Each structure stands twice: as C-alpha cells, then as structure tokens.
PDB file of N, CA and C in Angstrom:
ATOM      1  N   UNK A   1       0.847  -1.172   0.000  1.00  0.00           N
ATOM      2  CA  UNK A   1       0.000   0.000   0.000  1.00  0.00           C
ATOM      3  C   UNK A   1       0.889   1.230   0.000  1.00  0.00           C
ATOM      4  N   UNK A   2       0.418   2.266  -0.635  1.00  0.00           N
ATOM      5  CA  UNK A   2       1.177   3.508  -0.729  1.00  0.00           C
ATOM      6  C   UNK A   2       0.519   4.580   0.132  1.00  0.00           C
ATOM      7  N   UNK A   3       1.318   5.462   0.663  1.00  0.00           N
ATOM      8  CA  UNK A   3       0.839   6.529   1.533  1.00  0.00           C
ATOM      9  C   UNK A   3       0.683   7.810   0.715  1.00  0.00           C
ATOM     10  N   UNK A   4      -0.417   8.557   0.958  1.00  0.00           N
ATOM     11  CA  UNK A   4      -0.616   9.873   0.355  1.00  0.00           C
ATOM     12  C   UNK A   4      -0.882  10.867   1.480  1.00  0.00           C
ATOM     13  N   UNK A   5      -0.819  12.146   1.161  1.00  0.00           N
ATOM     14  CA  UNK A   5      -1.065  13.192   2.150  1.00  0.00           C
ATOM     15  C   UNK A   5      -2.293  13.982   1.719  1.00  0.00           C
ATOM     16  N   UNK A   6      -3.212  14.173   2.647  1.00  0.00           N
ATOM     17  CA  UNK A   6      -4.410  14.967   2.393  1.00  0.00           C
ATOM     18  C   UNK A   6      -4.475  16.061   3.454  1.00  0.00           C
ATOM     19  N   UNK A   7      -4.661  17.289   3.022  1.00  0.00           N
ATOM     20  CA  UNK A   7      -4.749  18.399   3.960  1.00  0.00           C
ATOM     21  C   UNK A   7      -6.131  18.435   4.604  1.00  0.00           C
ATOM     22  N   UNK A   8      -6.146  18.622   5.922  1.00  0.00           N
ATOM     23  CA  UNK A   8      -7.387  18.762   6.684  1.00  0.00           C
ATOM     24  C   UNK A   8      -7.229  19.951   7.631  1.00  0.00           C
ATOM     25  N   UNK A   9      -8.332  20.376   8.229  1.00  0.00           N
ATOM     26  CA  UNK A   9      -8.230  21.498   9.153  1.00  0.00           C
ATOM     27  C   UNK A   9      -7.554  21.060  10.454  1.00  0.00           C
ATOM     28  N   UNK A  10      -7.153  22.029  11.255  1.00  0.00           N
ATOM     29  CA  UNK A  10      -6.412  21.758  12.486  1.00  0.00           C
ATOM     30  C   UNK A  10      -7.180  20.846  13.450  1.00  0.00           C
ATOM     31  N   UNK A  11      -8.469  21.054  13.537  1.00  0.00           N
ATOM     32  CA  UNK A  11      -9.290  20.260  14.458  1.00  0.00           C
ATOM     33  C   UNK A  11      -9.283  18.776  14.073  1.00  0.00           C
ATOM     34  N   UNK A  12      -9.425  18.509  12.775  1.00  0.00           N
ATOM     35  CA  UNK A  12      -9.404  17.118  12.324  1.00  0.00           C
ATOM     36  C   UNK A  12      -8.025  16.487  12.510  1.00  0.00           C
ATOM     37  N   UNK A  13      -6.986  17.251  12.251  1.00  0.00           N
ATOM     38  CA  UNK A  13      -5.627  16.727  12.421  1.00  0.00           C
ATOM     39  C   UNK A  13      -5.387  16.334  13.881  1.00  0.00           C
ATOM     40  N   UNK A  14      -5.836  17.164  14.802  1.00  0.00           N
ATOM     41  CA  UNK A  14      -5.666  16.857  16.221  1.00  0.00           C
ATOM     42  C   UNK A  14      -6.481  15.627  16.609  1.00  0.00           C
ATOM     43  N   UNK A  15      -7.715  15.546  16.104  1.00  0.00           N
ATOM     44  CA  UNK A  15      -8.562  14.388  16.409  1.00  0.00           C
ATOM     45  C   UNK A  15      -7.909  13.111  15.877  1.00  0.00           C
ATOM     46  N   UNK A  16      -7.299  13.187  14.699  1.00  0.00           N
ATOM     47  CA  UNK A  16      -6.622  12.021  14.116  1.00  0.00           C
ATOM     48  C   UNK A  16      -5.446  11.584  14.989  1.00  0.00           C
ATOM     49  N   UNK A  17      -4.638  12.540  15.390  1.00  0.00           N
ATOM     50  CA  UNK A  17      -3.464  12.217  16.215  1.00  0.00           C
ATOM     51  C   UNK A  17      -3.869  11.571  17.536  1.00  0.00           C
ATOM     52  N   UNK A  18      -5.004  11.966  18.080  1.00  0.00           N
ATOM     53  CA  UNK A  18      -5.447  11.466  19.378  1.00  0.00           C
ATOM     54  C   UNK A  18      -6.337  10.221  19.294  1.00  0.00           C
ATOM     55  N   UNK A  19      -6.681   9.807  18.092  1.00  0.00           N
ATOM     56  CA  UNK A  19      -7.589   8.663  17.922  1.00  0.00           C
ATOM     57  C   UNK A  19      -6.851   7.347  18.166  1.00  0.00           C
ATOM     58  N   UNK A  20      -7.567   6.357  18.701  1.00  0.00           N
ATOM     59  CA  UNK A  20      -6.963   5.028  18.866  1.00  0.00           C
ATOM     60  C   UNK A  20      -6.699   4.386  17.499  1.00  0.00           C
ATOM     61  N   UNK A  21      -5.743   3.471  17.458  1.00  0.00           N
ATOM     62  CA  UNK A  21      -5.354   2.831  16.201  1.00  0.00           C
ATOM     63  C   UNK A  21      -6.525   2.157  15.501  1.00  0.00           C
ATOM     64  N   UNK A  22      -7.399   1.517  16.252  1.00  0.00           N
ATOM     65  CA  UNK A  22      -8.548   0.837  15.642  1.00  0.00           C
ATOM     66  C   UNK A  22      -9.428   1.830  14.885  1.00  0.00           C
ATOM     67  N   UNK A  23      -9.642   2.993  15.476  1.00  0.00           N
ATOM     68  CA  UNK A  23     -10.453   4.038  14.834  1.00  0.00           C
ATOM     69  C   UNK A  23      -9.755   4.544  13.579  1.00  0.00           C
ATOM     70  N   UNK A  24      -8.427   4.746  13.662  1.00  0.00           N
ATOM     71  CA  UNK A  24      -7.670   5.197  12.496  1.00  0.00           C
ATOM     72  C   UNK A  24      -7.754   4.205  11.354  1.00  0.00           C
ATOM     73  N   UNK A  25      -7.675   2.905  11.678  1.00  0.00           N
ATOM     74  CA  UNK A  25      -7.764   1.874  10.642  1.00  0.00           C
ATOM     75  C   UNK A  25      -9.130   1.897   9.978  1.00  0.00           C
ATOM     76  N   UNK A  26     -10.185   2.034  10.768  1.00  0.00           N
ATOM     77  CA  UNK A  26     -11.540   2.059  10.220  1.00  0.00           C
ATOM     78  C   UNK A  26     -11.727   3.271   9.304  1.00  0.00           C
ATOM     79  N   UNK A  27     -11.228   4.417   9.739  1.00  0.00           N
ATOM     80  CA  UNK A  27     -11.340   5.633   8.927  1.00  0.00           C
ATOM     81  C   UNK A  27     -10.515   5.486   7.658  1.00  0.00           C
ATOM     82  N   UNK A  28      -9.314   4.959   7.786  1.00  0.00           N
ATOM     83  CA  UNK A  28      -8.454   4.753   6.626  1.00  0.00           C
ATOM     84  C   UNK A  28      -9.120   3.838   5.601  1.00  0.00           C
ATOM     85  N   UNK A  29      -9.732   2.756   6.071  1.00  0.00           N
ATOM     86  CA  UNK A  29     -10.438   1.842   5.168  1.00  0.00           C
ATOM     87  C   UNK A  29     -11.578   2.557   4.455  1.00  0.00           C
ATOM     88  N   UNK A  30     -12.326   3.340   5.192  1.00  0.00           N
ATOM     89  CA  UNK A  30     -13.448   4.065   4.622  1.00  0.00           C
ATOM     90  C   UNK A  30     -12.985   5.088   3.586  1.00  0.00           C
ATOM     91  N   UNK A  31     -11.921   5.814   3.896  1.00  0.00           N
ATOM     92  CA  UNK A  31     -11.378   6.800   2.951  1.00  0.00           C
ATOM     93  C   UNK A  31     -10.854   6.100   1.702  1.00  0.00           C
ATOM     94  N   UNK A  32     -10.190   4.967   1.883  1.00  0.00           N
ATOM     95  CA  UNK A  32      -9.657   4.208   0.759  1.00  0.00           C
ATOM     96  C   UNK A  32     -10.780   3.824  -0.204  1.00  0.00           C
ATOM     97  N   UNK A  33     -11.865   3.339   0.336  1.00  0.00           N
ATOM     98  CA  UNK A  33     -12.999   2.932  -0.488  1.00  0.00           C
ATOM     99  C   UNK A  33     -13.662   4.141  -1.138  1.00  0.00           C
ATOM    100  N   UNK A  34     -13.809   5.221  -0.384  1.00  0.00           N
ATOM    101  CA  UNK A  34     -14.423   6.438  -0.932  1.00  0.00           C
ATOM    102  C   UNK A  34     -13.599   6.998  -2.084  1.00  0.00           C
ATOM    103  N   UNK A  35     -12.276   7.001  -1.936  1.00  0.00           N
ATOM    104  CA  UNK A  35     -11.416   7.481  -3.018  1.00  0.00           C
ATOM    105  C   UNK A  35     -11.513   6.578  -4.245  1.00  0.00           C
ATOM    106  N   UNK A  36     -11.601   5.285  -4.018  1.00  0.00           N
ATOM    107  CA  UNK A  36     -11.744   4.347  -5.133  1.00  0.00           C
ATOM    108  C   UNK A  36     -13.022   4.646  -5.917  1.00  0.00           C
ATOM    109  N   UNK A  37     -14.101   4.911  -5.192  1.00  0.00           N
ATOM    110  CA  UNK A  37     -15.368   5.238  -5.843  1.00  0.00           C
ATOM    111  C   UNK A  37     -15.260   6.561  -6.599  1.00  0.00           C
ATOM    112  N   UNK A  38     -14.579   7.534  -6.022  1.00  0.00           N
ATOM    113  CA  UNK A  38     -14.464   8.855  -6.645  1.00  0.00           C
ATOM    114  C   UNK A  38     -13.628   8.825  -7.919  1.00  0.00           C
ATOM    115  N   UNK A  39     -12.648   7.928  -7.970  1.00  0.00           N
ATOM    116  CA  UNK A  39     -11.758   7.869  -9.114  1.00  0.00           C
ATOM    117  C   UNK A  39     -12.073   6.754 -10.088  1.00  0.00           C
ATOM    118  N   UNK A  40     -13.233   6.148  -9.950  1.00  0.00           N
ATOM    119  CA  UNK A  40     -13.589   5.081 -10.885  1.00  0.00           C
ATOM    120  C   UNK A  40     -13.620   5.649 -12.297  1.00  0.00           C
ATOM    121  N   UNK A  41     -13.207   4.837 -13.245  1.00  0.00           N
ATOM    122  CA  UNK A  41     -13.172   5.315 -14.627  1.00  0.00           C
ATOM    123  C   UNK A  41     -14.090   4.487 -15.501  1.00  0.00           C
ATOM    124  N   UNK A  42     -14.086   4.804 -16.767  1.00  0.00           N
ATOM    125  CA  UNK A  42     -14.997   4.130 -17.683  1.00  0.00           C
ATOM    126  C   UNK A  42     -14.500   2.745 -18.091  1.00  0.00           C
ATOM    127  N   UNK A  43     -13.261   2.412 -17.793  1.00  0.00           N
ATOM    128  CA  UNK A  43     -12.728   1.090 -18.104  1.00  0.00           C
ATOM    129  C   UNK A  43     -13.238   0.115 -17.050  1.00  0.00           C
ATOM    130  N   UNK A  44     -14.393  -0.438 -17.288  1.00  0.00           N
ATOM    131  CA  UNK A  44     -15.089  -1.246 -16.300  1.00  0.00           C
ATOM    132  C   UNK A  44     -14.274  -2.456 -15.852  1.00  0.00           C
ATOM    133  N   UNK A  45     -13.594  -3.120 -16.781  1.00  0.00           N
ATOM    134  CA  UNK A  45     -12.838  -4.321 -16.425  1.00  0.00           C
ATOM    135  C   UNK A  45     -11.703  -4.005 -15.457  1.00  0.00           C
ATOM    136  N   UNK A  46     -10.930  -2.949 -15.719  1.00  0.00           N
ATOM    137  CA  UNK A  46      -9.830  -2.611 -14.815  1.00  0.00           C
ATOM    138  C   UNK A  46     -10.364  -2.093 -13.480  1.00  0.00           C
ATOM    139  N   UNK A  47     -11.499  -1.402 -13.505  1.00  0.00           N
ATOM    140  CA  UNK A  47     -12.090  -0.919 -12.270  1.00  0.00           C
ATOM    141  C   UNK A  47     -12.560  -2.082 -11.406  1.00  0.00           C
ATOM    142  N   UNK A  48     -13.195  -3.076 -12.019  1.00  0.00           N
ATOM    143  CA  UNK A  48     -13.641  -4.248 -11.267  1.00  0.00           C
ATOM    144  C   UNK A  48     -12.454  -5.020 -10.711  1.00  0.00           C
ATOM    145  N   UNK A  49     -11.372  -5.104 -11.470  1.00  0.00           N
ATOM    146  CA  UNK A  49     -10.155  -5.751 -10.982  1.00  0.00           C
ATOM    147  C   UNK A  49      -9.620  -4.991  -9.763  1.00  0.00           C
ATOM    148  N   UNK A  50      -9.598  -3.658  -9.862  1.00  0.00           N
ATOM    149  CA  UNK A  50      -9.142  -2.829  -8.749  1.00  0.00           C
ATOM    150  C   UNK A  50     -10.018  -3.049  -7.514  1.00  0.00           C
ATOM    151  N   UNK A  51     -11.331  -3.100  -7.705  1.00  0.00           N
ATOM    152  CA  UNK A  51     -12.238  -3.311  -6.576  1.00  0.00           C
ATOM    153  C   UNK A  51     -12.008  -4.672  -5.923  1.00  0.00           C
ATOM    154  N   UNK A  52     -11.749  -5.690  -6.733  1.00  0.00           N
ATOM    155  CA  UNK A  52     -11.462  -7.011  -6.169  1.00  0.00           C
ATOM    156  C   UNK A  52     -10.187  -6.988  -5.334  1.00  0.00           C
ATOM    157  N   UNK A  53      -9.155  -6.318  -5.833  1.00  0.00           N
ATOM    158  CA  UNK A  53      -7.912  -6.187  -5.067  1.00  0.00           C
ATOM    159  C   UNK A  53      -8.165  -5.429  -3.773  1.00  0.00           C
ATOM    160  N   UNK A  54      -8.931  -4.354  -3.851  1.00  0.00           N
ATOM    161  CA  UNK A  54      -9.247  -3.549  -2.679  1.00  0.00           C
ATOM    162  C   UNK A  54     -10.040  -4.378  -1.664  1.00  0.00           C
ATOM    163  N   UNK A  55     -10.996  -5.155  -2.132  1.00  0.00           N
ATOM    164  CA  UNK A  55     -11.794  -6.005  -1.259  1.00  0.00           C
ATOM    165  C   UNK A  55     -10.898  -7.009  -0.522  1.00  0.00           C
ATOM    166  N   UNK A  56      -9.963  -7.617  -1.242  1.00  0.00           N
ATOM    167  CA  UNK A  56      -9.040  -8.575  -0.624  1.00  0.00           C
ATOM    168  C   UNK A  56      -8.170  -7.892   0.424  1.00  0.00           C
ATOM    169  N   UNK A  57      -7.689  -6.710   0.098  1.00  0.00           N
ATOM    170  CA  UNK A  57      -6.835  -5.968   1.032  1.00  0.00           C
ATOM    171  C   UNK A  57      -7.602  -5.570   2.284  1.00  0.00           C
ATOM    172  N   UNK A  58      -8.815  -5.075   2.113  1.00  0.00           N
ATOM    173  CA  UNK A  58      -9.620  -4.655   3.255  1.00  0.00           C
ATOM    174  C   UNK A  58     -10.011  -5.866   4.114  1.00  0.00           C
ATOM    175  N   UNK A  59     -10.285  -6.993   3.478  1.00  0.00           N
ATOM    176  CA  UNK A  59     -10.597  -8.216   4.222  1.00  0.00           C
ATOM    177  C   UNK A  59      -9.394  -8.657   5.040  1.00  0.00           C
ATOM    178  N   UNK A  60      -8.206  -8.565   4.444  1.00  0.00           N
ATOM    179  CA  UNK A  60      -6.981  -8.931   5.159  1.00  0.00           C
ATOM    180  C   UNK A  60      -6.751  -8.020   6.365  1.00  0.00           C
ATOM    181  N   UNK A  61      -7.249  -6.798   6.290  1.00  0.00           N
ATOM    182  CA  UNK A  61      -7.097  -5.856   7.397  1.00  0.00           C
ATOM    183  C   UNK A  61      -8.214  -5.989   8.431  1.00  0.00           C
ATOM    184  N   UNK A  62      -9.117  -6.951   8.216  1.00  0.00           N
ATOM    185  CA  UNK A  62     -10.141  -7.202   9.215  1.00  0.00           C
ATOM    186  C   UNK A  62     -11.512  -6.625   8.914  1.00  0.00           C
ATOM    187  N   UNK A  63     -11.678  -5.999   7.762  1.00  0.00           N
ATOM    188  CA  UNK A  63     -12.980  -5.442   7.406  1.00  0.00           C
ATOM    189  C   UNK A  63     -13.875  -6.580   6.927  1.00  0.00           C
ATOM    190  N   UNK A  64     -15.049  -6.709   7.517  1.00  0.00           N
ATOM    191  CA  UNK A  64     -15.946  -7.797   7.132  1.00  0.00           C
ATOM    192  C   UNK A  64     -16.674  -7.443   5.837  1.00  0.00           C
ATOM    193  N   UNK A  65     -17.223  -8.456   5.193  1.00  0.00           N
ATOM    194  CA  UNK A  65     -17.986  -8.255   3.957  1.00  0.00           C
ATOM    195  C   UNK A  65     -19.162  -7.309   4.207  1.00  0.00           C
ATOM    196  N   UNK A  66     -19.825  -7.466   5.341  1.00  0.00           N
ATOM    197  CA  UNK A  66     -20.963  -6.611   5.676  1.00  0.00           C
ATOM    198  C   UNK A  66     -20.521  -5.148   5.847  1.00  0.00           C
ATOM    199  N   UNK A  67     -19.410  -4.930   6.553  1.00  0.00           N
ATOM    200  CA  UNK A  67     -18.904  -3.562   6.742  1.00  0.00           C
ATOM    201  C   UNK A  67     -18.513  -2.947   5.405  1.00  0.00           C
ATOM    202  N   UNK A  68     -17.865  -3.748   4.553  1.00  0.00           N
ATOM    203  CA  UNK A  68     -17.475  -3.254   3.236  1.00  0.00           C
ATOM    204  C   UNK A  68     -18.695  -2.858   2.423  1.00  0.00           C
ATOM    205  N   UNK A  69     -19.707  -3.686   2.414  1.00  0.00           N
ATOM    206  CA  UNK A  69     -20.930  -3.370   1.677  1.00  0.00           C
ATOM    207  C   UNK A  69     -21.608  -2.123   2.231  1.00  0.00           C
ATOM    208  N   UNK A  70     -21.608  -1.961   3.548  1.00  0.00           N
ATOM    209  CA  UNK A  70     -22.194  -0.751   4.145  1.00  0.00           C
ATOM    210  C   UNK A  70     -21.465   0.499   3.667  1.00  0.00           C
ATOM    211  N   UNK A  71     -20.132   0.433   3.630  1.00  0.00           N
ATOM    212  CA  UNK A  71     -19.341   1.580   3.186  1.00  0.00           C
ATOM    213  C   UNK A  71     -19.605   1.858   1.699  1.00  0.00           C
ATOM    214  N   UNK A  72     -19.617   0.816   0.883  1.00  0.00           N
ATOM    215  CA  UNK A  72     -19.831   0.985  -0.543  1.00  0.00           C
ATOM    216  C   UNK A  72     -21.219   1.540  -0.855  1.00  0.00           C
ATOM    217  N   UNK A  73     -22.191   1.282   0.000  1.00  0.00           N
ATOM    218  CA  UNK A  73     -23.548   1.756  -0.241  1.00  0.00           C
ATOM    219  C   UNK A  73     -23.819   3.131   0.336  1.00  0.00           C
ATOM    220  N   UNK A  74     -22.849   3.719   1.039  1.00  0.00           N
ATOM    221  CA  UNK A  74     -23.008   5.068   1.569  1.00  0.00           C
ATOM    222  C   UNK A  74     -22.984   6.063   0.415  1.00  0.00           C
ATOM    223  N   UNK A  75     -23.713   7.141   0.564  1.00  0.00           N
ATOM    224  CA  UNK A  75     -23.683   8.185  -0.463  1.00  0.00           C
ATOM    225  C   UNK A  75     -23.217   9.471   0.097  1.00  0.00           C
TER     226      UNK A  75
END
C-alpha cells in the first residue's frame, strides 16, 4: 500500500493524532474505499479488478464483507 497526504483542518488533524489505532484503521479503510469510488473510470474491467484487489486488502485488514458493503452503499 502507498501513503498519500491529504490536507485537513487543524481540528481534524488533532482528532486524528489522538484517535486510537482501531479508529484510524476504520477511517483509513473508509477513505480508501471512498477514493476508489471517486476515481472510478470508464474502463469497467480494470475498475472491477481494482475493486477485487481492494476487497481482498480490506478483508486482510479485518474489514468484514458486511462492513465493506455498508461503506460501498453510503452516499
């Protein structure tokens, strides 16, 4: 996995620094999925391949199928 930097306001940065690791992992998983949805392209086959890889990675990190589906269905 690769690391990126996203700018947030001071309040969010402080909340992130003070959050427990479990909370950070859950937020990171959610952001990862949200970014994947935002950057989906018209190449359906490569996008589906990417989603399968993402699903495997999130499962390996402890995200259940139900949690993943809940995140994917959020608007």
